[in-house]
Each structure stands twice: as C-alpha cells, then as structure tokens.
C-alpha cells in the first residue's frame, strides 16, 4: 500500500510540474494534443514562427482574465484549475469502461513502467529502498530534468 501511495505522489507531483511548465512556456490551449491544422492558422501547410507566437499569445491572453498584461497568482491558479478539470473529465471519459461516471481501481490506467521504478530504486535488491538509494534516485531524476541548470547540491 505504501508503494501505491509513493507512486501516486510522484505521478501527482509530475503532473503539477508539467502543468506549470506548460503555462510558463505559453504552450497551446490543447498542448501537445493540438493538431497541425490548429497551429497552421493560415493553412499554408507550414507552421511559421509567427503562428507559434500567435498561439502562445492567445494562450497567455486566455489566462490573463483581466487583460492587464500580467498573470497574477489567482489567474495562474484559475487557469490551472480549469485545465485540470478538463483533463480529469477527459480521463473519466476515456477510462470509465462501465459508464457509471466513476473510476474503480480496476479502471484506473496502469503506469507503463508499473513496479519498475521501485526495482530501479532498490539498487541492492533488498526489497526496500534505503535513504541512500532514495537520495541517489532523486539525484539521477533531477539531473535528467534540469537541462543545464548546473549542479545543485542539497544542503543539510
């Protein structure tokens, strides 16, 4: 049960981080799910830099509800909540196999690498993750996602 909670926590944290990153980058309204035709607004058959900039501007404008050219914490939170609600509705629609409007444990999607993360973290194969193994995994994971932000060491 502890493993399920741990994995759930990691998935939730990753989702929040990805959502914040997408908003910060000004990603499109539908993110990676936008079709080529939606981005190619002029129908030229090519996506121009101007179309990408227009898409980012439109996304920013949707989040900037008071149109003051700034995103407040309240606007960012409201936009994130709206997107989370849309994603949750899509998830329910996609995985609710019996159509009862709820997801049972059996209907929840299984991670592609279910259980493998624990096995990778348990480097010595003891069946448990020591503090050292946990810290090593965290350092490996954070190093993959920092993209040139330099070495950041933990201070105790």
Protein backbone atom coordinates (compact mmCIF):
# COMPACT_ATOMS: atom_id res chain seq x y z
CA UNK A 1 0.00 0.00 0.00
CA UNK A 2 2.89 2.36 0.78
CA UNK A 3 4.26 1.77 -2.73
CA UNK A 4 0.96 2.76 -4.31
CA UNK A 5 0.88 5.98 -2.28
CA UNK A 6 4.50 6.72 -3.19
CA UNK A 7 3.90 6.20 -6.90
CA UNK A 8 0.67 8.24 -6.73
CA UNK A 9 2.56 11.09 -5.06
CA UNK A 10 5.25 11.05 -7.74
CA UNK A 11 2.68 11.00 -10.56
CA UNK A 12 0.75 13.88 -8.98
CA UNK A 13 3.91 15.94 -8.49
CA UNK A 14 4.99 15.31 -12.06
CA UNK A 15 1.58 16.36 -13.32
CA UNK A 16 1.68 19.62 -11.39
CA UNK A 17 5.19 20.36 -12.55
CA UNK A 18 4.30 19.65 -16.17
CA UNK A 19 1.22 21.86 -15.95
CA UNK A 20 3.22 24.74 -14.52
CA UNK A 21 5.92 24.32 -17.13
CA UNK A 22 3.39 24.30 -19.97
CA UNK A 23 1.82 27.54 -18.71
CA UNK A 24 5.22 29.16 -18.23
CA UNK A 25 6.25 28.25 -21.77
CA UNK A 26 2.98 29.55 -23.18
CA UNK A 27 2.13 26.19 -24.71
CA UNK A 28 -1.00 25.98 -26.82
CA UNK A 29 -4.53 25.63 -25.50
CA UNK A 30 -4.53 21.89 -26.09
CA UNK A 31 -0.80 21.49 -25.54
CA UNK A 32 0.78 18.59 -27.32
CA UNK A 33 -2.66 17.42 -28.47
CA UNK A 34 -3.15 20.32 -30.85
CA UNK A 35 -3.42 19.26 -34.43
CA UNK A 36 -1.13 20.58 -37.13
CA UNK A 37 -4.13 22.34 -38.70
CA UNK A 38 -4.94 24.18 -35.46
CA UNK A 39 -1.41 25.58 -35.27
CA UNK A 40 -1.14 26.27 -39.03
CA UNK A 41 -3.71 29.07 -38.73
CA UNK A 42 -3.17 30.43 -42.26
CA UNK A 43 -3.49 26.99 -43.86
CA UNK A 44 -0.18 27.33 -45.70
CA UNK A 45 0.89 23.78 -44.96
CA UNK A 46 3.73 25.00 -42.75
CA UNK A 47 3.86 26.27 -39.19
CA UNK A 48 5.65 29.59 -39.03
CA UNK A 49 7.33 31.26 -36.08
CA UNK A 50 4.59 33.90 -36.24
CA UNK A 51 1.91 31.22 -35.84
CA UNK A 52 3.73 29.76 -32.84
CA UNK A 53 3.99 33.24 -31.30
CA UNK A 54 0.30 33.90 -32.01
CA UNK A 55 -0.60 30.59 -30.35
CA UNK A 56 1.48 31.49 -27.28
CA UNK A 57 -0.07 34.97 -27.15
CA UNK A 58 -3.60 33.55 -27.36
CA UNK A 59 -2.82 31.11 -24.56
CA UNK A 60 -1.44 33.91 -22.40
CA UNK A 61 -4.45 36.10 -23.13
CA UNK A 62 -6.85 33.34 -22.05
CA UNK A 63 -5.05 33.09 -18.71
CA UNK A 64 -4.81 36.91 -18.30
CA UNK A 65 -8.50 37.33 -17.50
CA UNK A 66 -8.27 40.99 -16.51
CA UNK A 67 -6.21 41.80 -19.65
CA UNK A 68 -3.62 43.81 -17.74
CA UNK A 69 -0.70 42.06 -19.42
CA UNK A 70 0.32 40.28 -16.22
CA UNK A 71 -0.54 36.90 -14.75
CA UNK A 72 -1.37 37.04 -11.07
CA UNK A 73 -1.24 34.03 -8.82
CA UNK A 74 -5.05 33.92 -8.86
CA UNK A 75 -5.11 33.91 -12.69
CA UNK A 76 -2.47 31.19 -12.89
CA UNK A 77 -4.34 29.09 -10.34
CA UNK A 78 -7.68 29.60 -12.07
CA UNK A 79 -6.19 28.63 -15.43
CA UNK A 80 -4.50 25.57 -13.94
CA UNK A 81 -7.74 24.51 -12.23
CA UNK A 82 -9.65 24.87 -15.50
CA UNK A 83 -7.09 22.75 -17.35
CA UNK A 84 -7.06 20.16 -14.54
CA UNK A 85 -10.85 19.93 -14.71
CA UNK A 86 -10.69 19.42 -18.47
CA UNK A 87 -8.02 16.71 -18.10
CA UNK A 88 -9.98 14.98 -15.32
CA UNK A 89 -13.16 14.96 -17.43
CA UNK A 90 -11.20 13.53 -20.37
CA UNK A 91 -9.66 10.88 -18.12
CA UNK A 92 -13.06 9.86 -16.81
CA UNK A 93 -14.49 9.71 -20.32
CA UNK A 94 -11.55 7.65 -21.56
CA UNK A 95 -11.23 5.10 -18.74
CA UNK A 96 -14.77 4.71 -17.37
CA UNK A 97 -15.34 1.36 -19.05
CA UNK A 98 -18.67 0.61 -17.40
CA UNK A 99 -20.05 4.14 -17.93
CA UNK A 100 -21.05 4.67 -14.30
CA UNK A 101 -19.43 8.11 -14.09
CA UNK A 102 -16.71 6.93 -11.71
CA UNK A 103 -13.38 5.12 -11.94
CA UNK A 104 -12.90 1.93 -9.97
CA UNK A 105 -9.39 0.74 -9.11
CA UNK A 106 -9.65 -1.74 -11.98
CA UNK A 107 -10.45 1.04 -14.46
CA UNK A 108 -7.53 3.27 -13.47
CA UNK A 109 -4.77 3.32 -16.07
CA UNK A 110 -1.69 1.36 -15.13
CA UNK A 111 1.64 3.13 -15.48
CA UNK A 112 3.66 1.81 -18.40
CA UNK A 113 6.51 1.00 -16.08
CA UNK A 114 4.47 -0.10 -13.06
CA UNK A 115 6.76 -1.52 -10.38
CA UNK A 116 9.92 -0.96 -12.39
CA UNK A 117 10.65 2.37 -10.72
CA UNK A 118 10.73 0.68 -7.31
CA UNK A 119 13.01 -2.04 -8.65
CA UNK A 120 15.40 0.56 -10.09
CA UNK A 121 15.48 2.49 -6.83
CA UNK A 122 16.12 -0.68 -4.81
CA UNK A 123 19.67 -0.91 -6.16
CA UNK A 124 20.79 -3.62 -3.74
CA UNK A 125 17.70 -5.78 -4.30
CA UNK A 126 16.85 -5.86 -0.60
CA UNK A 127 13.13 -5.38 -1.18
CA UNK A 128 13.24 -1.94 0.41
CA UNK A 129 14.58 1.50 -0.50
CA UNK A 130 17.20 2.89 1.86
CA UNK A 131 17.71 6.60 2.39
CA UNK A 132 20.88 6.39 0.28
CA UNK A 133 19.04 4.63 -2.57
CA UNK A 134 16.25 7.19 -2.35
CA UNK A 135 18.67 10.14 -2.49
CA UNK A 136 20.61 8.56 -5.37
CA UNK A 137 17.39 8.07 -7.36
CA UNK A 138 16.32 11.64 -6.64
CA UNK A 139 19.67 12.98 -7.83
CA UNK A 140 19.52 10.87 -11.00
CA UNK A 141 15.97 12.02 -11.69
CA UNK A 142 16.60 15.71 -11.00
CA UNK A 143 19.74 15.67 -13.15
CA UNK A 144 17.76 14.42 -16.14
CA UNK A 145 15.23 17.23 -15.90
CA UNK A 146 17.31 20.29 -15.06
CA UNK A 147 18.61 20.81 -18.62
CA UNK A 148 21.75 22.75 -17.92
CA UNK A 149 20.82 24.49 -14.70
CA UNK A 150 24.12 23.37 -13.20
CA UNK A 151 24.85 21.16 -10.28
CA UNK A 152 22.59 21.80 -7.37
CA UNK A 153 23.64 20.15 -4.17
CA UNK A 154 21.46 19.57 -1.17
CA UNK A 155 22.42 21.40 1.98
CA UNK A 156 21.66 19.87 5.38
